[in-house]
């Protein structure tokens, strides 16, 4: 969906940018998560500048989606890191939710070079053909490029920078907070903490990276997450304690499975999702992403 749909009138600079953008991002939900649940939340773009853009990276342009308030001023920035399903409609909606709160939210398609996962119907195929081939180094560089892009718009205050991510993006949130100490705060939603196996392109997981973590991170996890057992969460808590990290925190929701924030899926748990969203906002305010 382009800015033509999301806004009635665009300033000239925005119009030129829009005209350069083709619809490279998916325009709906990923095939592997359909049919969509009745609990799906849809956030409109009223009062927002929202739509697809391209960000320039070290290896060429990558499609991204950004949303921010349609008013004067510069806004604190939140990088939104996708699930394993890429930048589909749910992730775009999260950006609009954040923009409604006064943020410049931006999400880059971090699998762009490796393939379009939204077309697959099998999660194992997503991992085997795309996700396992995405280097962490590429992801870190692309997220850096998203920050540069946001700053260049003149609408973002990147000195007030936060990051949040879901599932695959939850692990990346922990990782990016180690990579970029200029981040003020991170919120990781059910991201893996311990490596399931050795993978050269993903050389270190949060438990191993913890001694280098200087950014306060809030971890939000489900007690019934089959892919991230509570034992791994406790292992991460012990790593935080061993490193003397008193600024990061992990919350575990009883009865919540993996992807409890994903309102478009059966895994959605309204109470845990709403509490996590409130905690995320409070965490960002506490650490200056406001």
Foldseek 3Di string as FASTA:
>chain_A
DFQVVQDVDDDPVSVVQRVVDDCPDDAAFFQQFPPWDPLDDADHNVQKRWHKGWFQFPVGIFIKIKMAGPDDAAAFEEEEEEALQFPHDLSSRVRSVVRVVGYTYMYTRQQVVQDHNSHDNDPVCSVVRTVLPRALVSVLRVVVRVLVVSVVVVRHDHLLYEYEYAACGLQNQLVNQLVDVSHLEYEREAYAADDPDDRPRHHDTNLVSLLSHDHAYEYEEECAAPVHHVVSVVSSVVSCVVSVNPRYYYDYDYPQYGPCLRSRHPSHDPVSNVVSVVVVVVSSVVRRSD
